[in-house]
Amino acid sequence: MASTTSADDWPGQRLNHAEFGRILAARRAALGEPVMPRNAGTRRTPSKRALLAAIERAGGAW
């Protein structure tokens, strides 16, 4: 389905992805890479658990 909203209708600030990437890279260089905790997986659906198990059996490391 095509969007019914024109890009000209957005009242908020525009984001230049290339500039944002440069700013983010500079910030990470200055502060270091953040250490993000992995998802504990305590609320995974049975289908997600089955998918991850199949990936493991196929030799993948999730």
C-alpha atoms as a PDB file:
ATOM      1  CA  MET A   1       0.000   0.000   0.000  1.00  0.00           C
ATOM      2  CA  ALA A   2       1.365   3.410  -0.867  1.00  0.00           C
ATOM      3  CA  SER A   3       1.836   6.028   1.808  1.00  0.00           C
ATOM      4  CA  THR A   4      -0.850   8.678   1.950  1.00  0.00           C
ATOM      5  CA  THR A   5       1.437  11.116   3.772  1.00  0.00           C
ATOM      6  CA  SER A   6       3.686  13.402   1.806  1.00  0.00           C
ATOM      7  CA  ALA A   7       7.255  13.967   3.029  1.00  0.00           C
ATOM      8  CA  ASP A   8       6.436  17.691   3.000  1.00  0.00           C
ATOM      9  CA  ASP A   9       3.870  17.157   5.789  1.00  0.00           C
ATOM     10  CA  TRP A  10       6.485  16.351   8.434  1.00  0.00           C
ATOM     11  CA  PRO A  11       6.693  19.286  10.899  1.00  0.00           C
ATOM     12  CA  GLY A  12       9.669  17.920  12.832  1.00  0.00           C
ATOM     13  CA  GLN A  13      13.399  18.240  12.381  1.00  0.00           C
ATOM     14  CA  ARG A  14      14.877  16.483   9.355  1.00  0.00           C
ATOM     15  CA  LEU A  15      17.656  13.948   9.832  1.00  0.00           C
ATOM     16  CA  ASN A  16      20.583  13.705   7.448  1.00  0.00           C
ATOM     17  CA  HIS A  17      21.722  10.106   7.817  1.00  0.00           C
ATOM     18  CA  ALA A  18      25.223  10.688   6.472  1.00  0.00           C
ATOM     19  CA  GLU A  19      25.827  13.548   8.907  1.00  0.00           C
ATOM     20  CA  PHE A  20      24.311  11.547  11.775  1.00  0.00           C
ATOM     21  CA  GLY A  21      26.682   8.667  10.943  1.00  0.00           C
ATOM     22  CA  ARG A  22      29.689  10.987  11.081  1.00  0.00           C
ATOM     23  CA  ILE A  23      28.555  12.465  14.410  1.00  0.00           C
ATOM     24  CA  LEU A  24      27.934   9.000  15.861  1.00  0.00           C
ATOM     25  CA  ALA A  25      31.328   7.700  14.688  1.00  0.00           C
ATOM     26  CA  ALA A  26      33.087  10.705  16.244  1.00  0.00           C
ATOM     27  CA  ARG A  27      31.168  10.253  19.501  1.00  0.00           C
ATOM     28  CA  ARG A  28      32.035   6.565  19.669  1.00  0.00           C
ATOM     29  CA  ALA A  29      35.688   7.341  18.950  1.00  0.00           C
ATOM     30  CA  ALA A  30      35.739   9.882  21.788  1.00  0.00           C
ATOM     31  CA  LEU A  31      33.787   7.856  24.344  1.00  0.00           C
ATOM     32  CA  GLY A  32      34.503   4.290  23.264  1.00  0.00           C
ATOM     33  CA  GLU A  33      32.056   1.627  22.200  1.00  0.00           C
ATOM     34  CA  PRO A  34      29.250   1.196  24.734  1.00  0.00           C
ATOM     35  CA  VAL A  35      29.028  -2.195  26.405  1.00  0.00           C
ATOM     36  CA  MET A  36      25.488  -3.338  25.745  1.00  0.00           C
ATOM     37  CA  PRO A  37      24.142  -6.294  27.709  1.00  0.00           C
ATOM     38  CA  ARG A  38      22.762  -9.157  25.655  1.00  0.00           C
ATOM     39  CA  ASN A  39      19.086  -9.928  25.802  1.00  0.00           C
ATOM     40  CA  ALA A  40      18.568 -12.603  28.466  1.00  0.00           C
ATOM     41  CA  GLY A  41      15.873 -14.228  26.322  1.00  0.00           C
ATOM     42  CA  THR A  42      13.525 -14.875  29.219  1.00  0.00           C
ATOM     43  CA  ARG A  43      10.460 -13.707  27.245  1.00  0.00           C
ATOM     44  CA  ARG A  44      11.091 -15.398  23.886  1.00  0.00           C
ATOM     45  CA  THR A  45       8.218 -17.028  22.080  1.00  0.00           C
ATOM     46  CA  PRO A  46       8.322 -20.758  21.426  1.00  0.00           C
ATOM     47  CA  SER A  47       8.823 -20.088  17.703  1.00  0.00           C
ATOM     48  CA  LYS A  48      11.841 -17.861  18.419  1.00  0.00           C
ATOM     49  CA  ARG A  49      13.310 -20.522  20.730  1.00  0.00           C
ATOM     50  CA  ALA A  50      12.839 -23.137  17.995  1.00  0.00           C
ATOM     51  CA  LEU A  51      14.492 -20.869  15.421  1.00  0.00           C
ATOM     52  CA  LEU A  52      17.519 -20.270  17.648  1.00  0.00           C
ATOM     53  CA  ALA A  53      17.801 -23.994  18.389  1.00  0.00           C
ATOM     54  CA  ALA A  54      17.744 -24.750  14.648  1.00  0.00           C
ATOM     55  CA  ILE A  55      20.459 -22.163  14.051  1.00  0.00           C
ATOM     56  CA  GLU A  56      22.596 -23.807  16.744  1.00  0.00           C
ATOM     57  CA  ARG A  57      22.047 -27.293  15.284  1.00  0.00           C
ATOM     58  CA  ALA A  58      23.136 -25.969  11.886  1.00  0.00           C
ATOM     59  CA  GLY A  59      26.397 -24.778  13.422  1.00  0.00           C
ATOM     60  CA  GLY A  60      25.517 -21.127  13.846  1.00  0.00           C
ATOM     61  CA  ALA A  61      26.298 -19.159  16.949  1.00  0.00           C
ATOM     62  CA  TRP A  62      23.605 -16.778  18.013  1.00  0.00           C
END
